[in-house]
C-alpha atoms as a PDB file:
ATOM      1  CA  UNK A   1      -0.196 -18.185   5.331  1.00  0.00           C
ATOM      2  CA  UNK A   2      -3.613 -16.623   4.628  1.00  0.00           C
ATOM      3  CA  UNK A   3      -3.217 -14.226   7.543  1.00  0.00           C
ATOM      4  CA  UNK A   4       0.177 -13.112   6.232  1.00  0.00           C
ATOM      5  CA  UNK A   5      -1.305 -12.497   2.784  1.00  0.00           C
ATOM      6  CA  UNK A   6      -4.185 -10.490   4.262  1.00  0.00           C
ATOM      7  CA  UNK A   7      -1.770  -8.421   6.343  1.00  0.00           C
ATOM      8  CA  UNK A   8       0.320  -7.737   3.239  1.00  0.00           C
ATOM      9  CA  UNK A   9      -2.834  -6.504   1.490  1.00  0.00           C
ATOM     10  CA  UNK A  10      -3.631  -4.237   4.447  1.00  0.00           C
ATOM     11  CA  UNK A  11      -0.096  -2.849   4.705  1.00  0.00           C
ATOM     12  CA  UNK A  12      -0.185  -1.370   1.202  1.00  0.00           C
ATOM     13  CA  UNK A  13      -3.756  -0.133   1.398  1.00  0.00           C
ATOM     14  CA  UNK A  14      -4.795   3.535   1.050  1.00  0.00           C
ATOM     15  CA  UNK A  15      -7.595   2.771   3.505  1.00  0.00           C
ATOM     16  CA  UNK A  16      -5.073   1.637   6.103  1.00  0.00           C
ATOM     17  CA  UNK A  17      -3.184   4.924   5.699  1.00  0.00           C
ATOM     18  CA  UNK A  18      -6.427   6.884   6.004  1.00  0.00           C
ATOM     19  CA  UNK A  19      -7.317   5.106   9.242  1.00  0.00           C
ATOM     20  CA  UNK A  20      -3.799   5.556  10.611  1.00  0.00           C
ATOM     21  CA  UNK A  21      -3.922   9.326   9.925  1.00  0.00           C
ATOM     22  CA  UNK A  22      -7.310   9.870  11.589  1.00  0.00           C
ATOM     23  CA  UNK A  23      -7.812  10.505  15.286  1.00  0.00           C
ATOM     24  CA  UNK A  24      -8.992   7.306  16.963  1.00  0.00           C
ATOM     25  CA  UNK A  25     -11.876   7.957  19.366  1.00  0.00           C
ATOM     26  CA  UNK A  26     -12.564   4.316  20.147  1.00  0.00           C
ATOM     27  CA  UNK A  27     -11.732   0.698  19.345  1.00  0.00           C
ATOM     28  CA  UNK A  28     -14.110  -2.204  19.938  1.00  0.00           C
ATOM     29  CA  UNK A  29     -16.574   0.370  21.250  1.00  0.00           C
ATOM     30  CA  UNK A  30     -19.559  -1.395  22.864  1.00  0.00           C
ATOM     31  CA  UNK A  31     -23.073  -0.104  22.313  1.00  0.00           C
ATOM     32  CA  UNK A  32     -26.657  -1.262  22.781  1.00  0.00           C
ATOM     33  CA  UNK A  33     -28.938  -0.932  19.746  1.00  0.00           C
ATOM     34  CA  UNK A  34     -32.489  -1.948  18.943  1.00  0.00           C
ATOM     35  CA  UNK A  35     -32.683  -4.845  16.509  1.00  0.00           C
ATOM     36  CA  UNK A  36     -35.941  -6.596  15.657  1.00  0.00           C
ATOM     37  CA  UNK A  37     -37.583  -5.134  18.748  1.00  0.00           C
ATOM     38  CA  UNK A  38     -34.871  -6.251  21.165  1.00  0.00           C
ATOM     39  CA  UNK A  39     -31.929  -4.472  22.738  1.00  0.00           C
ATOM     40  CA  UNK A  40     -28.689  -6.149  21.609  1.00  0.00           C
ATOM     41  CA  UNK A  41     -25.050  -5.416  22.358  1.00  0.00           C
ATOM     42  CA  UNK A  42     -22.796  -4.720  19.395  1.00  0.00           C
ATOM     43  CA  UNK A  43     -19.279  -3.352  18.988  1.00  0.00           C
ATOM     44  CA  UNK A  44     -17.982  -0.689  16.644  1.00  0.00           C
ATOM     45  CA  UNK A  45     -14.629  -1.896  15.317  1.00  0.00           C
ATOM     46  CA  UNK A  46     -13.157   1.594  15.073  1.00  0.00           C
ATOM     47  CA  UNK A  47     -14.561   5.074  15.691  1.00  0.00           C
ATOM     48  CA  UNK A  48     -12.500   7.868  14.118  1.00  0.00           C
ATOM     49  CA  UNK A  49     -12.522  11.612  13.660  1.00  0.00           C
ATOM     50  CA  UNK A  50     -11.454  13.114  10.342  1.00  0.00           C
ATOM     51  CA  UNK A  51     -11.593  16.893  10.551  1.00  0.00           C
ATOM     52  CA  UNK A  52     -15.230  17.832  11.187  1.00  0.00           C
ATOM     53  CA  UNK A  53     -16.619  14.349  10.523  1.00  0.00           C
ATOM     54  CA  UNK A  54     -16.774  11.196  12.584  1.00  0.00           C
ATOM     55  CA  UNK A  55     -16.279   7.831  10.912  1.00  0.00           C
ATOM     56  CA  UNK A  56     -17.423   4.362  11.936  1.00  0.00           C
ATOM     57  CA  UNK A  57     -15.171   1.669  10.442  1.00  0.00           C
ATOM     58  CA  UNK A  58     -16.301  -1.942  10.262  1.00  0.00           C
ATOM     59  CA  UNK A  59     -13.703  -4.536   9.249  1.00  0.00           C
ATOM     60  CA  UNK A  60     -14.793  -7.644   7.366  1.00  0.00           C
ATOM     61  CA  UNK A  61     -12.848 -10.560   5.947  1.00  0.00           C
ATOM     62  CA  UNK A  62     -13.400 -11.940   2.457  1.00  0.00           C
ATOM     63  CA  UNK A  63     -15.678 -10.610  -0.256  1.00  0.00           C
ATOM     64  CA  UNK A  64     -19.326  -9.808   0.447  1.00  0.00           C
ATOM     65  CA  UNK A  65     -22.319 -11.422  -1.172  1.00  0.00           C
ATOM     66  CA  UNK A  66     -25.156  -9.041  -2.039  1.00  0.00           C
ATOM     67  CA  UNK A  67     -27.151 -10.328   0.941  1.00  0.00           C
ATOM     68  CA  UNK A  68     -24.224  -9.847   3.328  1.00  0.00           C
ATOM     69  CA  UNK A  69     -23.501  -6.410   1.891  1.00  0.00           C
ATOM     70  CA  UNK A  70     -27.084  -5.297   2.547  1.00  0.00           C
ATOM     71  CA  UNK A  71     -26.918  -6.501   6.166  1.00  0.00           C
ATOM     72  CA  UNK A  72     -23.485  -4.919   6.709  1.00  0.00           C
ATOM     73  CA  UNK A  73     -24.652  -1.558   5.322  1.00  0.00           C
ATOM     74  CA  UNK A  74     -27.672  -1.622   7.611  1.00  0.00           C
ATOM     75  CA  UNK A  75     -25.465  -2.465  10.613  1.00  0.00           C
ATOM     76  CA  UNK A  76     -23.022   0.393   9.995  1.00  0.00           C
ATOM     77  CA  UNK A  77     -25.880   2.819   9.267  1.00  0.00           C
ATOM     78  CA  UNK A  78     -27.344   1.991  12.696  1.00  0.00           C
ATOM     79  CA  UNK A  79     -23.956   2.575  14.320  1.00  0.00           C
ATOM     80  CA  UNK A  80     -23.609   5.933  12.563  1.00  0.00           C
ATOM     81  CA  UNK A  81     -27.096   7.046  13.569  1.00  0.00           C
ATOM     82  CA  UNK A  82     -26.422   6.099  17.182  1.00  0.00           C
ATOM     83  CA  UNK A  83     -23.055   7.855  17.310  1.00  0.00           C
ATOM     84  CA  UNK A  84     -24.462  10.961  15.642  1.00  0.00           C
ATOM     85  CA  UNK A  85     -27.277  11.050  18.217  1.00  0.00           C
ATOM     86  CA  UNK A  86     -24.723  10.727  21.029  1.00  0.00           C
ATOM     87  CA  UNK A  87     -22.181  13.259  19.752  1.00  0.00           C
ATOM     88  CA  UNK A  88     -24.393  15.652  17.780  1.00  0.00           C
ATOM     89  CA  UNK A  89     -21.843  15.452  14.959  1.00  0.00           C
ATOM     90  CA  UNK A  90     -22.165  14.145  11.398  1.00  0.00           C
ATOM     91  CA  UNK A  91     -21.072  10.528  11.108  1.00  0.00           C
ATOM     92  CA  UNK A  92     -20.174   8.478   8.063  1.00  0.00           C
ATOM     93  CA  UNK A  93     -19.531   4.767   7.737  1.00  0.00           C
ATOM     94  CA  UNK A  94     -16.859   2.712   6.061  1.00  0.00           C
ATOM     95  CA  UNK A  95     -17.057  -1.011   5.354  1.00  0.00           C
ATOM     96  CA  UNK A  96     -13.631  -2.477   4.713  1.00  0.00           C
ATOM     97  CA  UNK A  97     -13.628  -5.996   3.267  1.00  0.00           C
ATOM     98  CA  UNK A  98     -10.128  -7.461   3.381  1.00  0.00           C
ATOM     99  CA  UNK A  99      -9.444 -10.554   1.325  1.00  0.00           C
ATOM    100  CA  UNK A 100      -6.234 -12.463   0.716  1.00  0.00           C
ATOM    101  CA  UNK A 101      -5.134 -10.536  -2.380  1.00  0.00           C
ATOM    102  CA  UNK A 102      -7.676  -7.747  -2.580  1.00  0.00           C
ATOM    103  CA  UNK A 103      -9.753  -5.272  -0.626  1.00  0.00           C
ATOM    104  CA  UNK A 104     -13.100  -3.631  -1.149  1.00  0.00           C
ATOM    105  CA  UNK A 105     -14.054  -0.353   0.505  1.00  0.00           C
ATOM    106  CA  UNK A 106     -17.611   0.926   0.692  1.00  0.00           C
ATOM    107  CA  UNK A 107     -18.308   4.366   2.113  1.00  0.00           C
ATOM    108  CA  UNK A 108     -21.698   5.240   3.595  1.00  0.00           C
ATOM    109  CA  UNK A 109     -22.817   8.824   4.104  1.00  0.00           C
END
C-alpha cells in the first residue's frame, strides 16, 4: 500500500515530468570515488542532459533529517564534480525525496 501511495505521488510530480523530458545518459551508473581516503564504488541513480547542462539525480525515500540532508548533498556534489571532470560539461545535482504523500526536491548547482 505504501509503494502504491509513493508511486501516486511520483506520477503527479513536476519533477517526474522534468526527468521524463530530459535525455537519459545513464541509469544506475557505476563510478569509483574517493571517500575518507579510500576508493569506493557508488552508483548515480540517473544521469540526464537538459539542453547545455548535465544533471545527476539521486532518488531518496522519506523525508531527510538535517544530518542526512548534509550527507546526501555532499554525495551528489561529489558525483557532479566527477561527471563534470569526465565530460568537461557543467553538471548540476538534484535530490528527490519521495514520501508517501509528499515530495521534496533540492537542486544543487
